Amino acid sequence: MRAQDASAPLQAKTHRMSSPTQRSLEHLRELGYVAEVVERWIPQARIRRDLFGVIDIVAVRAGETVGIQATSASNVSARVRKIAAASALPVLRAAGWRLLVHGWGKRAGRWQLREVDVS
């Protein structure tokens, strides 16, 4: 691996984030969280299974654990209802987890986050 020349101009990010989950991961990491995707792909059923049925990402930092459901802005209310109906919700709350829905939508050509705390 070669070291980059310090005098060379920095390259702008050219990758395209393709999903709300990827956008949320980047956002959380910028805020100082250690964050990982915890939903699983089940190939035999061709479905994704969220942790506890409602969590796509777990993020942690000093004294805080957060479960995040990432979605499009138009699906936020459906995800809030999904979490409210989850059998794991009382246990997650008792454990002190923050539970967030991240809804991503474009406004004026830029991605914007709508965050709803359902803790």
C-alpha atoms as a PDB file:
ATOM      1  CA  MET A   1       0.000   0.000   0.000  1.00  0.00           C
ATOM      2  CA  ARG A   2       1.443   3.363  -0.996  1.00  0.00           C
ATOM      3  CA  ALA A   3       1.296   6.477   1.131  1.00  0.00           C
ATOM      4  CA  GLN A   4      -0.636   9.340  -0.422  1.00  0.00           C
ATOM      5  CA  ASP A   5       1.354  12.421  -1.334  1.00  0.00           C
ATOM      6  CA  ALA A   6       0.465  15.133   1.208  1.00  0.00           C
ATOM      7  CA  SER A   7       0.638  17.795  -1.488  1.00  0.00           C
ATOM      8  CA  ALA A   8      -1.889  16.016  -3.699  1.00  0.00           C
ATOM      9  CA  PRO A   9      -5.430  17.439  -3.591  1.00  0.00           C
ATOM     10  CA  LEU A  10      -7.937  15.423  -1.598  1.00  0.00           C
ATOM     11  CA  GLN A  11     -10.404  13.544  -3.722  1.00  0.00           C
ATOM     12  CA  ALA A  12     -14.051  14.243  -3.114  1.00  0.00           C
ATOM     13  CA  LYS A  13     -16.245  11.346  -2.114  1.00  0.00           C
ATOM     14  CA  THR A  14     -17.510   9.848  -5.319  1.00  0.00           C
ATOM     15  CA  HIS A  15     -19.274   6.787  -3.956  1.00  0.00           C
ATOM     16  CA  ARG A  16     -23.022   6.778  -4.034  1.00  0.00           C
ATOM     17  CA  MET A  17     -24.819   5.574  -0.954  1.00  0.00           C
ATOM     18  CA  SER A  18     -27.573   3.348  -2.153  1.00  0.00           C
ATOM     19  CA  SER A  19     -29.737   2.790   0.899  1.00  0.00           C
ATOM     20  CA  PRO A  20     -31.143   4.500   3.981  1.00  0.00           C
ATOM     21  CA  THR A  21     -29.130   2.046   6.083  1.00  0.00           C
ATOM     22  CA  GLN A  22     -25.865   3.165   4.494  1.00  0.00           C
ATOM     23  CA  ARG A  23     -26.782   6.824   4.940  1.00  0.00           C
ATOM     24  CA  SER A  24     -27.629   6.229   8.612  1.00  0.00           C
ATOM     25  CA  LEU A  25     -24.372   4.349   9.211  1.00  0.00           C
ATOM     26  CA  GLU A  26     -22.367   7.263   7.836  1.00  0.00           C
ATOM     27  CA  HIS A  27     -24.394   9.779   9.859  1.00  0.00           C
ATOM     28  CA  LEU A  28     -23.958   7.839  13.113  1.00  0.00           C
ATOM     29  CA  ARG A  29     -20.233   7.356  12.598  1.00  0.00           C
ATOM     30  CA  GLU A  30     -19.851  11.098  11.963  1.00  0.00           C
ATOM     31  CA  LEU A  31     -21.513  11.641  15.370  1.00  0.00           C
ATOM     32  CA  GLY A  32     -18.918   9.407  17.025  1.00  0.00           C
ATOM     33  CA  TYR A  33     -20.869   6.168  17.353  1.00  0.00           C
ATOM     34  CA  VAL A  34     -19.514   2.731  16.648  1.00  0.00           C
ATOM     35  CA  ALA A  35     -22.288   1.417  14.421  1.00  0.00           C
ATOM     36  CA  GLU A  36     -22.980  -1.856  12.628  1.00  0.00           C
ATOM     37  CA  VAL A  37     -25.772  -3.336  10.548  1.00  0.00           C
ATOM     38  CA  VAL A  38     -27.559  -6.096  12.455  1.00  0.00           C
ATOM     39  CA  GLU A  39     -30.283  -7.109  10.030  1.00  0.00           C
ATOM     40  CA  ARG A  40     -29.682 -10.471   8.338  1.00  0.00           C
ATOM     41  CA  TRP A  41     -30.350 -11.719   4.840  1.00  0.00           C
ATOM     42  CA  ILE A  42     -32.085 -15.096   4.834  1.00  0.00           C
ATOM     43  CA  PRO A  43     -31.391 -16.480   1.354  1.00  0.00           C
ATOM     44  CA  GLN A  44     -33.784 -19.434   1.520  1.00  0.00           C
ATOM     45  CA  ALA A  45     -36.725 -17.124   2.224  1.00  0.00           C
ATOM     46  CA  ARG A  46     -35.304 -14.187   0.246  1.00  0.00           C
ATOM     47  CA  ILE A  47     -36.058 -11.772   3.091  1.00  0.00           C
ATOM     48  CA  ARG A  48     -34.194  -9.491   5.467  1.00  0.00           C
ATOM     49  CA  ARG A  49     -34.729 -10.051   9.175  1.00  0.00           C
ATOM     50  CA  ASP A  50     -34.227  -7.142  11.571  1.00  0.00           C
ATOM     51  CA  LEU A  51     -32.718  -7.660  15.025  1.00  0.00           C
ATOM     52  CA  PHE A  52     -35.649  -8.199  17.420  1.00  0.00           C
ATOM     53  CA  GLY A  53     -37.877  -7.639  14.392  1.00  0.00           C
ATOM     54  CA  VAL A  54     -37.317  -3.856  14.391  1.00  0.00           C
ATOM     55  CA  ILE A  55     -33.619  -2.872  14.388  1.00  0.00           C
ATOM     56  CA  ASP A  56     -31.420  -2.442  11.306  1.00  0.00           C
ATOM     57  CA  ILE A  57     -28.419  -0.823  13.027  1.00  0.00           C
ATOM     58  CA  VAL A  58     -26.998  -0.898  16.542  1.00  0.00           C
ATOM     59  CA  ALA A  59     -24.878   2.101  17.506  1.00  0.00           C
ATOM     60  CA  VAL A  60     -22.944   2.567  20.738  1.00  0.00           C
ATOM     61  CA  ARG A  61     -20.852   5.220  22.405  1.00  0.00           C
ATOM     62  CA  ALA A  62     -19.983   5.940  26.030  1.00  0.00           C
ATOM     63  CA  GLY A  63     -23.011   5.056  28.150  1.00  0.00           C
ATOM     64  CA  GLU A  64     -25.439   4.791  25.253  1.00  0.00           C
ATOM     65  CA  THR A  65     -26.868   2.049  23.063  1.00  0.00           C
ATOM     66  CA  VAL A  66     -29.147   2.980  20.185  1.00  0.00           C
ATOM     67  CA  GLY A  67     -31.232   0.778  17.912  1.00  0.00           C
ATOM     68  CA  ILE A  68     -32.083   2.349  14.562  1.00  0.00           C
ATOM     69  CA  GLN A  69     -34.679   1.428  11.963  1.00  0.00           C
ATOM     70  CA  ALA A  70     -33.597   3.065   8.687  1.00  0.00           C
ATOM     71  CA  THR A  71     -36.140   3.768   5.964  1.00  0.00           C
ATOM     72  CA  SER A  72     -37.313   6.281   3.401  1.00  0.00           C
ATOM     73  CA  ALA A  73     -38.987   9.460   4.651  1.00  0.00           C
ATOM     74  CA  SER A  74     -42.345   8.274   3.338  1.00  0.00           C
ATOM     75  CA  ASN A  75     -42.245   5.096   5.460  1.00  0.00           C
ATOM     76  CA  VAL A  76     -41.393   6.633   8.847  1.00  0.00           C
ATOM     77  CA  SER A  77     -44.902   6.350  10.317  1.00  0.00           C
ATOM     78  CA  ALA A  78     -45.167   2.677   9.290  1.00  0.00           C
ATOM     79  CA  ARG A  79     -41.840   1.938  11.005  1.00  0.00           C
ATOM     80  CA  VAL A  80     -42.929   3.770  14.170  1.00  0.00           C
ATOM     81  CA  ARG A  81     -46.060   1.578  14.261  1.00  0.00           C
ATOM     82  CA  LYS A  82     -43.928  -1.536  13.647  1.00  0.00           C
ATOM     83  CA  ILE A  83     -41.699  -0.725  16.628  1.00  0.00           C
ATOM     84  CA  ALA A  84     -44.700   0.128  18.847  1.00  0.00           C
ATOM     85  CA  ALA A  85     -46.131  -3.335  18.142  1.00  0.00           C
ATOM     86  CA  ALA A  86     -42.857  -5.222  18.738  1.00  0.00           C
ATOM     87  CA  SER A  87     -42.832  -7.690  21.626  1.00  0.00           C
ATOM     88  CA  ALA A  88     -39.196  -6.762  22.354  1.00  0.00           C
ATOM     89  CA  LEU A  89     -40.023  -3.063  22.896  1.00  0.00           C
ATOM     90  CA  PRO A  90     -40.588  -3.173  26.679  1.00  0.00           C
ATOM     91  CA  VAL A  91     -37.356  -5.125  27.221  1.00  0.00           C
ATOM     92  CA  LEU A  92     -35.320  -2.756  25.039  1.00  0.00           C
ATOM     93  CA  ARG A  93     -36.731   0.229  26.915  1.00  0.00           C
ATOM     94  CA  ALA A  94     -36.046  -1.412  30.291  1.00  0.00           C
ATOM     95  CA  ALA A  95     -32.464  -2.019  29.165  1.00  0.00           C
ATOM     96  CA  GLY A  96     -32.095   1.712  28.513  1.00  0.00           C
ATOM     97  CA  TRP A  97     -31.775   1.522  24.731  1.00  0.00           C
ATOM     98  CA  ARG A  98     -32.687   4.562  22.670  1.00  0.00           C
ATOM     99  CA  LEU A  99     -34.811   3.567  19.690  1.00  0.00           C
ATOM    100  CA  LEU A 100     -34.836   5.767  16.601  1.00  0.00           C
ATOM    101  CA  VAL A 101     -36.425   5.718  13.183  1.00  0.00           C
ATOM    102  CA  HIS A 102     -34.263   7.366  10.530  1.00  0.00           C
ATOM    103  CA  GLY A 103     -36.281   8.489   7.531  1.00  0.00           C
ATOM    104  CA  TRP A 104     -34.274   9.702   4.537  1.00  0.00           C
ATOM    105  CA  GLY A 105     -35.661  11.881   1.774  1.00  0.00           C
ATOM    106  CA  LYS A 106     -34.307  14.291  -0.806  1.00  0.00           C
ATOM    107  CA  ARG A 107     -35.126  17.978  -0.531  1.00  0.00           C
ATOM    108  CA  ALA A 108     -33.657  20.477  -2.948  1.00  0.00           C
ATOM    109  CA  GLY A 109     -31.403  17.723  -4.286  1.00  0.00           C
ATOM    110  CA  ARG A 110     -29.854  16.884  -0.889  1.00  0.00           C
ATOM    111  CA  TRP A 111     -30.503  13.964   1.441  1.00  0.00           C
ATOM    112  CA  GLN A 112     -32.194  15.032   4.666  1.00  0.00           C
ATOM    113  CA  LEU A 113     -32.785  12.991   7.776  1.00  0.00           C
ATOM    114  CA  ARG A 114     -36.013  12.909   9.733  1.00  0.00           C
ATOM    115  CA  GLU A 115     -35.282  11.278  13.076  1.00  0.00           C
ATOM    116  CA  VAL A 116     -38.094  10.054  15.329  1.00  0.00           C
ATOM    117  CA  ASP A 117     -37.273   8.881  18.861  1.00  0.00           C
ATOM    118  CA  VAL A 118     -39.587   6.027  19.893  1.00  0.00           C
ATOM    119  CA  SER A 119     -37.740   5.121  23.092  1.00  0.00           C
END
